[in-house]
Amino acid sequence: MTDTGPLGHDSDHRDGDWRIFRGDRRPRMVDFPETPPWRRFAPRAGEREEAGRERPYLIGRTEADVVNAAIHLRRPLLVTGHPGTGKSSLAHAVAHELSLGPVLQWPVNSRSVLKDALYEYDAVGRLRETHLRSELGGLGPDIGTYVRLGPLGTALVPDDQPRVLLVDELDKGDVDLPNDLLAVFEQGEFEIPELSRLPEEQAEVAVMTHDPGRGKVPVVRGRIRCREFPVVVITSNGERDFPPAFLRRCVRLGLPDPDEKRLREIVEAHLGTEALRSVDDLLQAFLNRRAPGELATDQLLNAVFLRQGGVDLDAEGLLDAVLHRLGGTV
């Protein structure tokens, strides 16, 4: 190993050694490797924001037709499939291809309730500010300052173009949550009681949205009703069943596990044609491991990307670390 001194430059990495961290507790300056395209969170210098966030997305003709049916019918699209089949990415692909702006995302968990997705009202903050201004002899704050629409509430703001709303992993939510969503999806509107109770002279209030680039929108008499129903993509990992009434109002799309041909297309779309020249053994290992257990497509992309960077994936334990099962114990 080249002696770098206490803060020297790591010439070994510059000469092709892929190991940046060595565990020898010796500080060094390194040239960081290329970032995987799917792990870039901001555009590079000179790139536009849209280009920095764009991701390749491949979908079959049959699956694309189901998406189109949901758009035409103005119905939520319920997407199921194994991890890594592209359920969440589908929402971003639709928004990008149809130029519908950033996706409004609602990640569901066991504590999620419908109101959180519709709006938030900071009553404590408003009360504190009212007392402070009263002591200083000023007027009370505008209530709209303390109301912020959630992702679903923002998606229902009346516009000429719909927004794309991603309700991610709905099956992780409370058992009653799908039924709670039905009324909003069927009526395309909701009420903010804190605003509907205001006197007539305050019938119109400007509130913040979930979209930082949009700013405030007017709300009249506390009601928001969409002009164009949003493109709603709901994902589920199949952890539990949904009520029949909810399923009846959704268009259902099951994304299949990609076969070998589609996996090659995905690798080429993300990493270029060059990546296909050395993918055969990794692809076969991926397919063999996917048969008895769960593997996600991005795990294959990770392995191919590392090989492109000169990583020895045949090293003991490394391939197991990259292509590990997603289910069961760790």
C-alpha atoms as a PDB file:
ATOM      1  CA  MET A   1       0.000   0.000   0.000  1.00  0.00           C
ATOM      2  CA  THR A   2       1.248   3.447  -0.865  1.00  0.00           C
ATOM      3  CA  ASP A   3       2.064   5.558   2.191  1.00  0.00           C
ATOM      4  CA  THR A   4      -0.238   8.562   2.039  1.00  0.00           C
ATOM      5  CA  GLY A   5       0.795  10.245   5.293  1.00  0.00           C
ATOM      6  CA  PRO A   6      -1.780  11.448   7.834  1.00  0.00           C
ATOM      7  CA  LEU A   7      -3.930  13.239   5.248  1.00  0.00           C
ATOM      8  CA  GLY A   8      -2.340  12.185   1.978  1.00  0.00           C
ATOM      9  CA  HIS A   9      -4.134  11.468  -1.305  1.00  0.00           C
ATOM     10  CA  ASP A  10      -5.033   7.830  -1.887  1.00  0.00           C
ATOM     11  CA  SER A  11      -3.215   7.064  -5.123  1.00  0.00           C
ATOM     12  CA  ASP A  12      -4.148   3.359  -4.940  1.00  0.00           C
ATOM     13  CA  HIS A  13      -7.793   4.221  -5.552  1.00  0.00           C
ATOM     14  CA  ARG A  14      -6.768   6.526  -8.366  1.00  0.00           C
ATOM     15  CA  ASP A  15      -4.919   3.620  -9.979  1.00  0.00           C
ATOM     16  CA  GLY A  16      -7.988   1.391 -10.002  1.00  0.00           C
ATOM     17  CA  ASP A  17      -8.414  -0.032  -6.490  1.00  0.00           C
ATOM     18  CA  TRP A  18     -12.158   0.161  -5.803  1.00  0.00           C
ATOM     19  CA  ARG A  19     -11.728  -0.038  -2.010  1.00  0.00           C
ATOM     20  CA  ILE A  20     -12.213   3.464  -0.610  1.00  0.00           C
ATOM     21  CA  PHE A  21     -12.729   2.411   2.992  1.00  0.00           C
ATOM     22  CA  ARG A  22     -10.064  -0.016   4.247  1.00  0.00           C
ATOM     23  CA  GLY A  23     -10.666  -0.180   7.967  1.00  0.00           C
ATOM     24  CA  ASP A  24      -7.085   0.784   8.849  1.00  0.00           C
ATOM     25  CA  ARG A  25      -8.054   4.039  10.629  1.00  0.00           C
ATOM     26  CA  ARG A  26      -5.664   6.048   8.432  1.00  0.00           C
ATOM     27  CA  PRO A  27      -7.239   9.303   7.162  1.00  0.00           C
ATOM     28  CA  ARG A  28      -6.803   9.841   3.427  1.00  0.00           C
ATOM     29  CA  MET A  29      -8.169  11.938   0.595  1.00  0.00           C
ATOM     30  CA  VAL A  30      -9.940   9.892  -2.091  1.00  0.00           C
ATOM     31  CA  ASP A  31     -11.499  10.403  -5.492  1.00  0.00           C
ATOM     32  CA  PHE A  32     -15.113   9.364  -4.970  1.00  0.00           C
ATOM     33  CA  PRO A  33     -16.459   6.973  -7.623  1.00  0.00           C
ATOM     34  CA  GLU A  34     -19.263   7.667 -10.075  1.00  0.00           C
ATOM     35  CA  THR A  35     -22.738   7.777  -8.504  1.00  0.00           C
ATOM     36  CA  PRO A  36     -25.302   5.229  -9.744  1.00  0.00           C
ATOM     37  CA  PRO A  37     -27.883   7.041 -11.901  1.00  0.00           C
ATOM     38  CA  TRP A  38     -30.748   5.948  -9.616  1.00  0.00           C
ATOM     39  CA  ARG A  39     -28.968   7.394  -6.535  1.00  0.00           C
ATOM     40  CA  ARG A  40     -28.533  10.949  -7.808  1.00  0.00           C
ATOM     41  CA  PHE A  41     -30.747  13.270  -5.813  1.00  0.00           C
ATOM     42  CA  ALA A  42     -29.887  16.513  -7.584  1.00  0.00           C
ATOM     43  CA  PRO A  43     -28.712  17.354 -11.106  1.00  0.00           C
ATOM     44  CA  ARG A  44     -25.040  17.649 -11.867  1.00  0.00           C
ATOM     45  CA  ALA A  45     -23.520  21.025 -12.622  1.00  0.00           C
ATOM     46  CA  GLY A  46     -24.921  22.242 -15.926  1.00  0.00           C
ATOM     47  CA  GLU A  47     -27.894  19.844 -15.922  1.00  0.00           C
ATOM     48  CA  ARG A  48     -31.512  20.907 -15.622  1.00  0.00           C
ATOM     49  CA  GLU A  49     -33.488  19.712 -12.577  1.00  0.00           C
ATOM     50  CA  GLU A  50     -35.758  17.555 -14.758  1.00  0.00           C
ATOM     51  CA  ALA A  51     -32.813  15.828 -16.388  1.00  0.00           C
ATOM     52  CA  GLY A  52     -31.207  15.134 -13.029  1.00  0.00           C
ATOM     53  CA  ARG A  53     -34.311  13.368 -11.737  1.00  0.00           C
ATOM     54  CA  GLU A  54     -35.378  11.482 -14.843  1.00  0.00           C
ATOM     55  CA  ARG A  55     -35.322   7.690 -14.515  1.00  0.00           C
ATOM     56  CA  PRO A  56     -35.726   5.125 -17.299  1.00  0.00           C
ATOM     57  CA  TYR A  57     -38.918   3.102 -16.891  1.00  0.00           C
ATOM     58  CA  LEU A  58     -39.898   0.086 -18.980  1.00  0.00           C
ATOM     59  CA  ILE A  59     -43.438  -1.240 -19.039  1.00  0.00           C
ATOM     60  CA  GLY A  60     -45.209  -3.766 -21.255  1.00  0.00           C
ATOM     61  CA  ARG A  61     -47.979  -2.866 -23.683  1.00  0.00           C
ATOM     62  CA  THR A  62     -50.607  -4.728 -21.662  1.00  0.00           C
ATOM     63  CA  GLU A  63     -49.648  -2.999 -18.402  1.00  0.00           C
ATOM     64  CA  ALA A  64     -49.535   0.400 -20.131  1.00  0.00           C
ATOM     65  CA  ASP A  65     -53.070  -0.161 -21.429  1.00  0.00           C
ATOM     66  CA  VAL A  66     -54.305  -0.711 -17.859  1.00  0.00           C
ATOM     67  CA  VAL A  67     -52.700   2.578 -16.815  1.00  0.00           C
ATOM     68  CA  ASN A  68     -54.446   4.319 -19.710  1.00  0.00           C
ATOM     69  CA  ALA A  69     -57.774   2.787 -18.697  1.00  0.00           C
ATOM     70  CA  ALA A  70     -57.430   4.224 -15.179  1.00  0.00           C
ATOM     71  CA  ILE A  71     -56.622   7.665 -16.606  1.00  0.00           C
ATOM     72  CA  HIS A  72     -59.606   7.603 -18.975  1.00  0.00           C
ATOM     73  CA  LEU A  73     -61.974   6.409 -16.255  1.00  0.00           C
ATOM     74  CA  ARG A  74     -60.593   8.862 -13.665  1.00  0.00           C
ATOM     75  CA  ARG A  75     -60.246   5.958 -11.254  1.00  0.00           C
ATOM     76  CA  PRO A  76     -57.425   5.173  -8.792  1.00  0.00           C
ATOM     77  CA  LEU A  77     -54.880   2.670 -10.115  1.00  0.00           C
ATOM     78  CA  LEU A  78     -54.154  -0.071  -7.559  1.00  0.00           C
ATOM     79  CA  VAL A  79     -50.710  -1.505  -8.365  1.00  0.00           C
ATOM     80  CA  THR A  80     -49.527  -4.781  -6.851  1.00  0.00           C
ATOM     81  CA  GLY A  81     -46.374  -6.823  -7.345  1.00  0.00           C
ATOM     82  CA  HIS A  82     -43.229  -8.058  -5.644  1.00  0.00           C
ATOM     83  CA  PRO A  83     -40.676  -5.560  -4.293  1.00  0.00           C
ATOM     84  CA  GLY A  84     -38.593  -4.059  -7.076  1.00  0.00           C
ATOM     85  CA  THR A  85     -41.124  -4.500  -9.878  1.00  0.00           C
ATOM     86  CA  GLY A  86     -41.524  -0.736 -10.273  1.00  0.00           C
ATOM     87  CA  LYS A  87     -44.787  -0.002  -8.456  1.00  0.00           C
ATOM     88  CA  SER A  88     -43.792   3.366  -6.997  1.00  0.00           C
ATOM     89  CA  SER A  89     -41.670   4.301 -10.016  1.00  0.00           C
ATOM     90  CA  LEU A  90     -44.744   3.983 -12.223  1.00  0.00           C
ATOM     91  CA  ALA A  91     -46.230   7.149 -10.709  1.00  0.00           C
ATOM     92  CA  HIS A  92     -43.074   9.109 -11.516  1.00  0.00           C
ATOM     93  CA  ALA A  93     -43.001   7.688 -15.049  1.00  0.00           C
ATOM     94  CA  VAL A  94     -46.585   8.836 -15.678  1.00  0.00           C
ATOM     95  CA  ALA A  95     -45.930  12.303 -14.259  1.00  0.00           C
ATOM     96  CA  HIS A  96     -42.771  12.700 -16.341  1.00  0.00           C
ATOM     97  CA  GLU A  97     -44.227  11.426 -19.619  1.00  0.00           C
ATOM     98  CA  LEU A  98     -47.435  13.474 -19.337  1.00  0.00           C
ATOM     99  CA  SER A  99     -45.685  16.607 -17.974  1.00  0.00           C
ATOM    100  CA  LEU A 100     -47.888  16.727 -14.868  1.00  0.00           C
ATOM    101  CA  GLY A 101     -45.303  18.166 -12.493  1.00  0.00           C
ATOM    102  CA  PRO A 102     -43.672  16.599  -9.419  1.00  0.00           C
ATOM    103  CA  VAL A 103     -45.419  13.583  -7.918  1.00  0.00           C
ATOM    104  CA  LEU A 104     -47.349  14.268  -4.703  1.00  0.00           C
ATOM    105  CA  GLN A 105     -46.363  11.422  -2.359  1.00  0.00           C
ATOM    106  CA  TRP A 106     -48.171   9.994   0.650  1.00  0.00           C
ATOM    107  CA  PRO A 107     -46.146   7.158   2.242  1.00  0.00           C
ATOM    108  CA  VAL A 108     -48.619   5.204   4.378  1.00  0.00           C
ATOM    109  CA  ASN A 109     -47.739   3.586   7.704  1.00  0.00           C
ATOM    110  CA  SER A 110     -49.648   2.097  10.625  1.00  0.00           C
ATOM    111  CA  ARG A 111     -50.268   5.572  12.123  1.00  0.00           C
ATOM    112  CA  SER A 112     -51.529   7.217   8.925  1.00  0.00           C
ATOM    113  CA  VAL A 113     -55.002   8.764   8.949  1.00  0.00           C
ATOM    114  CA  LEU A 114     -56.945  10.407   6.157  1.00  0.00           C
ATOM    115  CA  LYS A 115     -56.810  13.888   7.690  1.00  0.00           C
ATOM    116  CA  ASP A 116     -53.004  13.933   7.515  1.00  0.00           C
ATOM    117  CA  ALA A 117     -53.188  13.425   3.760  1.00  0.00           C
ATOM    118  CA  LEU A 118     -55.809  16.154   3.351  1.00  0.00           C
ATOM    119  CA  TYR A 119     -54.504  19.007   5.511  1.00  0.00           C
ATOM    120  CA  GLU A 120     -52.707  20.037   8.693  1.00  0.00           C
ATOM    121  CA  TYR A 121     -53.863  22.782  11.054  1.00  0.00           C
ATOM    122  CA  ASP A 122     -51.393  24.171  13.587  1.00  0.00           C
ATOM    123  CA  ALA A 123     -53.859  25.328  16.264  1.00  0.00           C
ATOM    124  CA  VAL A 124     -51.164  25.605  18.949  1.00  0.00           C
ATOM    125  CA  GLY A 125     -48.956  27.786  16.777  1.00  0.00           C
ATOM    126  CA  ARG A 126     -51.859  30.076  15.914  1.00  0.00           C
ATOM    127  CA  LEU A 127     -52.904  30.422  19.570  1.00  0.00           C
ATOM    128  CA  ARG A 128     -49.353  31.260  20.624  1.00  0.00           C
ATOM    129  CA  GLU A 129     -48.999  33.883  17.878  1.00  0.00           C
ATOM    130  CA  THR A 130     -52.408  35.401  18.740  1.00  0.00           C
ATOM    131  CA  HIS A 131     -51.419  35.872  22.384  1.00  0.00           C
ATOM    132  CA  LEU A 132     -48.080  37.380  21.395  1.00  0.00           C
ATOM    133  CA  ARG A 133     -49.618  39.890  19.009  1.00  0.00           C
ATOM    134  CA  SER A 134     -52.364  40.730  21.491  1.00  0.00           C
ATOM    135  CA  GLU A 135     -49.773  41.672  24.097  1.00  0.00           C
ATOM    136  CA  LEU A 136     -48.100  43.925  21.526  1.00  0.00           C
ATOM    137  CA  GLY A 137     -51.395  45.525  20.523  1.00  0.00           C
ATOM    138  CA  GLY A 138     -51.431  44.036  17.015  1.00  0.00           C
ATOM    139  CA  LEU A 139     -54.022  42.115  15.007  1.00  0.00           C
ATOM    140  CA  GLY A 140     -54.336  38.364  15.177  1.00  0.00           C
ATOM    141  CA  PRO A 141     -52.604  36.246  12.529  1.00  0.00           C
ATOM    142  CA  ASP A 142     -54.312  35.098   9.332  1.00  0.00           C
ATOM    143  CA  ILE A 143     -55.608  31.564   9.907  1.00  0.00           C
ATOM    144  CA  GLY A 144     -54.451  30.540   6.435  1.00  0.00           C
ATOM    145  CA  THR A 145     -50.868  30.800   7.649  1.00  0.00           C
ATOM    146  CA  TYR A 146     -51.484  27.805   9.916  1.00  0.00           C
ATOM    147  CA  VAL A 147     -53.249  25.557   7.387  1.00  0.00           C
ATOM    148  CA  ARG A 148     -51.211  23.437   4.983  1.00  0.00           C
ATOM    149  CA  LEU A 149     -52.705  21.025   2.499  1.00  0.00           C
ATOM    150  CA  GLY A 150     -51.347  17.481   2.510  1.00  0.00           C
ATOM    151  CA  PRO A 151     -50.486  15.491  -0.627  1.00  0.00           C
ATOM    152  CA  LEU A 152     -54.080  14.331  -1.221  1.00  0.00           C
ATOM    153  CA  GLY A 153     -55.482  17.765  -0.424  1.00  0.00           C
ATOM    154  CA  THR A 154     -53.058  19.382  -2.864  1.00  0.00           C
ATOM    155  CA  ALA A 155     -53.964  16.842  -5.552  1.00  0.00           C
ATOM    156  CA  LEU A 156     -57.627  17.904  -5.247  1.00  0.00           C
ATOM    157  CA  VAL A 157     -56.967  21.625  -5.727  1.00  0.00           C
ATOM    158  CA  PRO A 158     -58.960  22.681  -8.834  1.00  0.00           C
ATOM    159  CA  ASP A 159     -56.690  22.903 -11.874  1.00  0.00           C
ATOM    160  CA  ASP A 160     -56.991  22.446 -15.630  1.00  0.00           C
ATOM    161  CA  GLN A 161     -54.372  19.673 -15.512  1.00  0.00           C
ATOM    162  CA  PRO A 162     -54.485  16.818 -12.984  1.00  0.00           C
ATOM    163  CA  ARG A 163     -51.641  16.064 -10.594  1.00  0.00           C
ATOM    164  CA  VAL A 164     -50.165  12.627  -9.958  1.00  0.00           C
ATOM    165  CA  LEU A 165     -50.683  11.340  -6.413  1.00  0.00           C
ATOM    166  CA  LEU A 166     -48.724   8.333  -5.126  1.00  0.00           C
ATOM    167  CA  VAL A 167     -50.323   6.562  -2.157  1.00  0.00           C
ATOM    168  CA  ASP A 168     -47.445   4.261  -1.282  1.00  0.00           C
ATOM    169  CA  GLU A 169     -47.985   0.918   0.493  1.00  0.00           C
ATOM    170  CA  LEU A 170     -51.617   1.384   1.460  1.00  0.00           C
ATOM    171  CA  ASP A 171     -51.683  -2.133   2.906  1.00  0.00           C
ATOM    172  CA  LYS A 172     -49.475  -0.914   5.779  1.00  0.00           C
ATOM    173  CA  GLY A 173     -52.219   1.456   6.971  1.00  0.00           C
ATOM    174  CA  ASP A 174     -55.132   0.929   9.330  1.00  0.00           C
ATOM    175  CA  VAL A 175     -57.788  -1.515   8.170  1.00  0.00           C
ATOM    176  CA  ASP A 176     -60.355   1.316   7.858  1.00  0.00           C
ATOM    177  CA  LEU A 177     -58.143   3.616   5.792  1.00  0.00           C
ATOM    178  CA  PRO A 178     -59.206   2.302   2.335  1.00  0.00           C
ATOM    179  CA  ASN A 179     -62.870   2.897   3.197  1.00  0.00           C
ATOM    180  CA  ASP A 180     -62.034   6.371   4.531  1.00  0.00           C
ATOM    181  CA  LEU A 181     -60.516   7.189   1.150  1.00  0.00           C
ATOM    182  CA  LEU A 182     -63.624   6.086  -0.744  1.00  0.00           C
ATOM    183  CA  ALA A 183     -65.719   9.167   0.038  1.00  0.00           C
ATOM    184  CA  VAL A 184     -62.963  11.545  -1.049  1.00  0.00           C
ATOM    185  CA  PHE A 185     -62.246   9.594  -4.228  1.00  0.00           C
ATOM    186  CA  GLU A 186     -65.937   9.360  -5.126  1.00  0.00           C
ATOM    187  CA  GLN A 187     -66.816  12.999  -4.407  1.00  0.00           C
ATOM    188  CA  GLY A 188     -63.529  14.587  -5.443  1.00  0.00           C
ATOM    189  CA  GLU A 189     -63.782  17.081  -2.597  1.00  0.00           C
ATOM    190  CA  PHE A 190     -63.326  17.573   1.129  1.00  0.00           C
ATOM    191  CA  GLU A 191     -63.970  20.147   3.840  1.00  0.00           C
ATOM    192  CA  ILE A 192     -61.620  21.957   6.207  1.00  0.00           C
ATOM    193  CA  PRO A 193     -63.900  22.576   9.241  1.00  0.00           C
ATOM    194  CA  GLU A 194     -61.561  25.173  10.750  1.00  0.00           C
ATOM    195  CA  LEU A 195     -62.138  27.333   7.649  1.00  0.00           C
ATOM    196  CA  SER A 196     -65.799  26.544   6.966  1.00  0.00           C
ATOM    197  CA  ARG A 197     -66.745  27.923  10.417  1.00  0.00           C
ATOM    198  CA  LEU A 198     -65.236  31.355   9.712  1.00  0.00           C
ATOM    199  CA  PRO A 199     -67.556  34.389   9.316  1.00  0.00           C
ATOM    200  CA  GLU A 200     -68.750  35.446   5.859  1.00  0.00           C
ATOM    201  CA  GLU A 201     -66.161  38.217   5.513  1.00  0.00           C
ATOM    202  CA  GLN A 202     -63.480  35.505   5.743  1.00  0.00           C
ATOM    203  CA  ALA A 203     -65.123  33.189   3.219  1.00  0.00           C
ATOM    204  CA  GLU A 204     -61.950  33.004   1.108  1.00  0.00           C
ATOM    205  CA  VAL A 205     -58.665  32.056   2.773  1.00  0.00           C
ATOM    206  CA  ALA A 206     -55.287  31.430   1.141  1.00  0.00           C
ATOM    207  CA  VAL A 207     -53.514  28.305   2.411  1.00  0.00           C
ATOM    208  CA  MET A 208     -50.187  26.626   1.690  1.00  0.00           C
ATOM    209  CA  THR A 209     -50.022  23.449  -0.400  1.00  0.00           C
ATOM    210  CA  HIS A 210     -47.849  20.337  -0.219  1.00  0.00           C
ATOM    211  CA  ASP A 211     -46.006  21.555  -3.321  1.00  0.00           C
ATOM    212  CA  PRO A 212     -43.264  24.022  -2.232  1.00  0.00           C
ATOM    213  CA  GLY A 213     -43.041  25.508  -5.723  1.00  0.00           C
ATOM    214  CA  ARG A 214     -46.693  26.413  -5.886  1.00  0.00           C
ATOM    215  CA  GLY A 215     -47.221  28.665  -2.897  1.00  0.00           C
ATOM    216  CA  LYS A 216     -50.693  29.480  -1.575  1.00  0.00           C
ATOM    217  CA  VAL A 217     -54.079  28.640  -3.114  1.00  0.00           C
ATOM    218  CA  PRO A 218     -57.505  30.151  -2.271  1.00  0.00           C
ATOM    219  CA  VAL A 219     -60.023  28.048  -0.351  1.00  0.00           C
ATOM    220  CA  VAL A 220     -63.638  29.266  -0.399  1.00  0.00           C
ATOM    221  CA  ARG A 221     -65.852  28.474   2.597  1.00  0.00           C
ATOM    222  CA  GLY A 222     -63.511  25.722   3.667  1.00  0.00           C
ATOM    223  CA  ARG A 223     -64.177  23.417   0.712  1.00  0.00           C
ATOM    224  CA  ILE A 224     -61.780  22.103  -1.920  1.00  0.00           C
ATOM    225  CA  ARG A 225     -63.177  20.350  -4.979  1.00  0.00           C
ATOM    226  CA  CYS A 226     -61.089  19.111  -7.881  1.00  0.00           C
ATOM    227  CA  ARG A 227     -61.715  20.208 -11.450  1.00  0.00           C
ATOM    228  CA  GLU A 228     -59.749  17.288 -12.894  1.00  0.00           C
ATOM    229  CA  PHE A 229     -59.520  14.112 -10.801  1.00  0.00           C
ATOM    230  CA  PRO A 230     -55.855  13.402 -10.030  1.00  0.00           C
ATOM    231  CA  VAL A 231     -53.968  10.452 -11.455  1.00  0.00           C
ATOM    232  CA  VAL A 232     -53.912   8.329  -8.296  1.00  0.00           C
ATOM    233  CA  VAL A 233     -51.412   5.462  -8.102  1.00  0.00           C
ATOM    234  CA  ILE A 234     -51.888   3.252  -5.030  1.00  0.00           C
ATOM    235  CA  THR A 235     -49.260   0.613  -4.338  1.00  0.00           C
ATOM    236  CA  SER A 236     -49.642  -2.548  -2.286  1.00  0.00           C
ATOM    237  CA  ASN A 237     -47.237  -5.339  -1.391  1.00  0.00           C
ATOM    238  CA  GLY A 238     -50.133  -7.736  -0.882  1.00  0.00           C
ATOM    239  CA  GLU A 239     -49.727  -7.895   2.884  1.00  0.00           C
ATOM    240  CA  ARG A 240     -53.523  -7.914   3.352  1.00  0.00           C
ATOM    241  CA  ASP A 241     -56.756  -7.746   1.378  1.00  0.00           C
ATOM    242  CA  PHE A 242     -58.775  -4.599   0.737  1.00  0.00           C
ATOM    243  CA  PRO A 243     -62.570  -4.242   1.150  1.00  0.00           C
ATOM    244  CA  PRO A 244     -64.629  -5.202  -1.947  1.00  0.00           C
ATOM    245  CA  ALA A 245     -66.179  -1.712  -2.109  1.00  0.00           C
ATOM    246  CA  PHE A 246     -62.700  -0.202  -2.392  1.00  0.00           C
ATOM    247  CA  LEU A 247     -61.503  -2.710  -4.988  1.00  0.00           C
ATOM    248  CA  ARG A 248     -64.627  -2.109  -7.081  1.00  0.00           C
ATOM    249  CA  ARG A 249     -63.707   1.551  -7.459  1.00  0.00           C
ATOM    250  CA  CYS A 250     -60.095   0.918  -8.466  1.00  0.00           C
ATOM    251  CA  VAL A 251     -58.503  -0.235 -11.699  1.00  0.00           C
ATOM    252  CA  ARG A 252     -56.171  -3.061 -10.716  1.00  0.00           C
ATOM    253  CA  LEU A 253     -52.711  -3.625 -12.203  1.00  0.00           C
ATOM    254  CA  GLY A 254     -50.449  -6.511 -11.251  1.00  0.00           C
ATOM    255  CA  LEU A 255     -46.823  -5.915 -12.274  1.00  0.00           C
ATOM    256  CA  PRO A 256     -45.092  -9.215 -13.107  1.00  0.00           C
ATOM    257  CA  ASP A 257     -41.525 -10.074 -12.203  1.00  0.00           C
ATOM    258  CA  PRO A 258     -39.393  -9.138 -15.234  1.00  0.00           C
ATOM    259  CA  ASP A 259     -38.133 -12.102 -17.269  1.00  0.00           C
ATOM    260  CA  GLU A 260     -34.590 -12.425 -18.588  1.00  0.00           C
ATOM    261  CA  LYS A 261     -35.302 -10.398 -21.728  1.00  0.00           C
ATOM    262  CA  ARG A 262     -36.868  -7.553 -19.763  1.00  0.00           C
ATOM    263  CA  LEU A 263     -34.028  -7.604 -17.208  1.00  0.00           C
ATOM    264  CA  ARG A 264     -31.507  -7.118 -20.007  1.00  0.00           C
ATOM    265  CA  GLU A 265     -33.562  -4.199 -21.315  1.00  0.00           C
ATOM    266  CA  ILE A 266     -33.638  -2.653 -17.841  1.00  0.00           C
ATOM    267  CA  VAL A 267     -29.865  -2.991 -17.419  1.00  0.00           C
ATOM    268  CA  GLU A 268     -29.282  -1.401 -20.826  1.00  0.00           C
ATOM    269  CA  ALA A 269     -31.728   1.450 -20.129  1.00  0.00           C
ATOM    270  CA  HIS A 270     -30.037   2.334 -16.828  1.00  0.00           C
ATOM    271  CA  LEU A 271     -26.374   1.529 -17.490  1.00  0.00           C
ATOM    272  CA  GLY A 272     -25.940   1.505 -21.266  1.00  0.00           C
ATOM    273  CA  THR A 273     -25.146  -1.145 -23.867  1.00  0.00           C
ATOM    274  CA  GLU A 274     -21.624  -1.658 -22.510  1.00  0.00           C
ATOM    275  CA  ALA A 275     -23.067  -3.136 -19.309  1.00  0.00           C
ATOM    276  CA  LEU A 276     -24.595  -6.043 -21.259  1.00  0.00           C
ATOM    277  CA  ARG A 277     -21.195  -7.411 -22.232  1.00  0.00           C
ATOM    278  CA  SER A 278     -20.443  -8.785 -18.765  1.00  0.00           C
ATOM    279  CA  VAL A 279     -23.900  -9.333 -17.315  1.00  0.00           C
ATOM    280  CA  ASP A 280     -24.541 -12.999 -18.145  1.00  0.00           C
ATOM    281  CA  ASP A 281     -23.218 -14.613 -14.961  1.00  0.00           C
ATOM    282  CA  LEU A 282     -24.736 -11.924 -12.720  1.00  0.00           C
ATOM    283  CA  LEU A 283     -28.073 -12.261 -14.474  1.00  0.00           C
ATOM    284  CA  GLN A 284     -28.028 -16.034 -14.042  1.00  0.00           C
ATOM    285  CA  ALA A 285     -27.123 -15.694 -10.355  1.00  0.00           C
ATOM    286  CA  PHE A 286     -29.961 -13.205  -9.920  1.00  0.00           C
ATOM    287  CA  LEU A 287     -32.511 -15.493 -11.599  1.00  0.00           C
ATOM    288  CA  ASN A 288     -31.360 -18.519  -9.584  1.00  0.00           C
ATOM    289  CA  ARG A 289     -31.616 -16.642  -6.294  1.00  0.00           C
ATOM    290  CA  ARG A 290     -34.946 -15.054  -7.193  1.00  0.00           C
ATOM    291  CA  ALA A 291     -36.630 -18.423  -7.671  1.00  0.00           C
ATOM    292  CA  PRO A 292     -36.658 -19.507  -3.989  1.00  0.00           C
ATOM    293  CA  GLY A 293     -36.801 -16.024  -2.446  1.00  0.00           C
ATOM    294  CA  GLU A 294     -37.552 -12.376  -3.037  1.00  0.00           C
ATOM    295  CA  LEU A 295     -35.111 -10.223  -4.950  1.00  0.00           C
ATOM    296  CA  ALA A 296     -35.650  -6.747  -6.381  1.00  0.00           C
ATOM    297  CA  THR A 297     -34.547  -5.672  -9.850  1.00  0.00           C
ATOM    298  CA  ASP A 298     -32.458  -2.836  -8.460  1.00  0.00           C
ATOM    299  CA  GLN A 299     -30.307  -5.438  -6.684  1.00  0.00           C
ATOM    300  CA  LEU A 300     -29.256  -6.724 -10.100  1.00  0.00           C
ATOM    301  CA  LEU A 301     -28.537  -3.151 -11.194  1.00  0.00           C
ATOM    302  CA  ASN A 302     -26.405  -2.688  -8.081  1.00  0.00           C
ATOM    303  CA  ALA A 303     -24.336  -5.768  -8.933  1.00  0.00           C
ATOM    304  CA  VAL A 304     -23.830  -4.749 -12.568  1.00  0.00           C
ATOM    305  CA  PHE A 305     -22.902  -1.194 -11.574  1.00  0.00           C
ATOM    306  CA  LEU A 306     -20.310  -2.427  -9.081  1.00  0.00           C
ATOM    307  CA  ARG A 307     -18.766  -4.679 -11.700  1.00  0.00           C
ATOM    308  CA  GLN A 308     -18.547  -1.759 -14.108  1.00  0.00           C
ATOM    309  CA  GLY A 309     -16.621   0.107 -11.426  1.00  0.00           C
ATOM    310  CA  GLY A 310     -14.053  -2.666 -11.125  1.00  0.00           C
ATOM    311  CA  VAL A 311     -15.458  -4.343  -8.019  1.00  0.00           C
ATOM    312  CA  ASP A 312     -14.580  -8.029  -7.626  1.00  0.00           C
ATOM    313  CA  LEU A 313     -18.030  -9.493  -7.043  1.00  0.00           C
ATOM    314  CA  ASP A 314     -16.537 -12.955  -6.748  1.00  0.00           C
ATOM    315  CA  ALA A 315     -14.989 -11.961  -3.434  1.00  0.00           C
ATOM    316  CA  GLU A 316     -16.335 -14.094  -0.593  1.00  0.00           C
ATOM    317  CA  GLY A 317     -19.632 -12.763   0.759  1.00  0.00           C
ATOM    318  CA  LEU A 318     -19.854  -9.706  -1.533  1.00  0.00           C
ATOM    319  CA  LEU A 319     -22.311 -11.131  -4.037  1.00  0.00           C
ATOM    320  CA  ASP A 320     -24.402 -12.477  -1.151  1.00  0.00           C
ATOM    321  CA  ALA A 321     -24.484  -8.981   0.345  1.00  0.00           C
ATOM    322  CA  VAL A 322     -25.701  -7.428  -2.908  1.00  0.00           C
ATOM    323  CA  LEU A 323     -28.184 -10.153  -3.891  1.00  0.00           C
ATOM    324  CA  HIS A 324     -29.625 -10.901  -0.461  1.00  0.00           C
ATOM    325  CA  ARG A 325     -33.205 -12.018   0.039  1.00  0.00           C
ATOM    326  CA  LEU A 326     -35.727  -9.339   1.006  1.00  0.00           C
ATOM    327  CA  GLY A 327     -37.958 -11.642   3.028  1.00  0.00           C
ATOM    328  CA  GLY A 328     -37.290 -13.621   6.191  1.00  0.00           C
ATOM    329  CA  THR A 329     -34.603 -13.011   8.789  1.00  0.00           C
ATOM    330  CA  VAL A 330     -31.423 -11.090   8.064  1.00  0.00           C
END
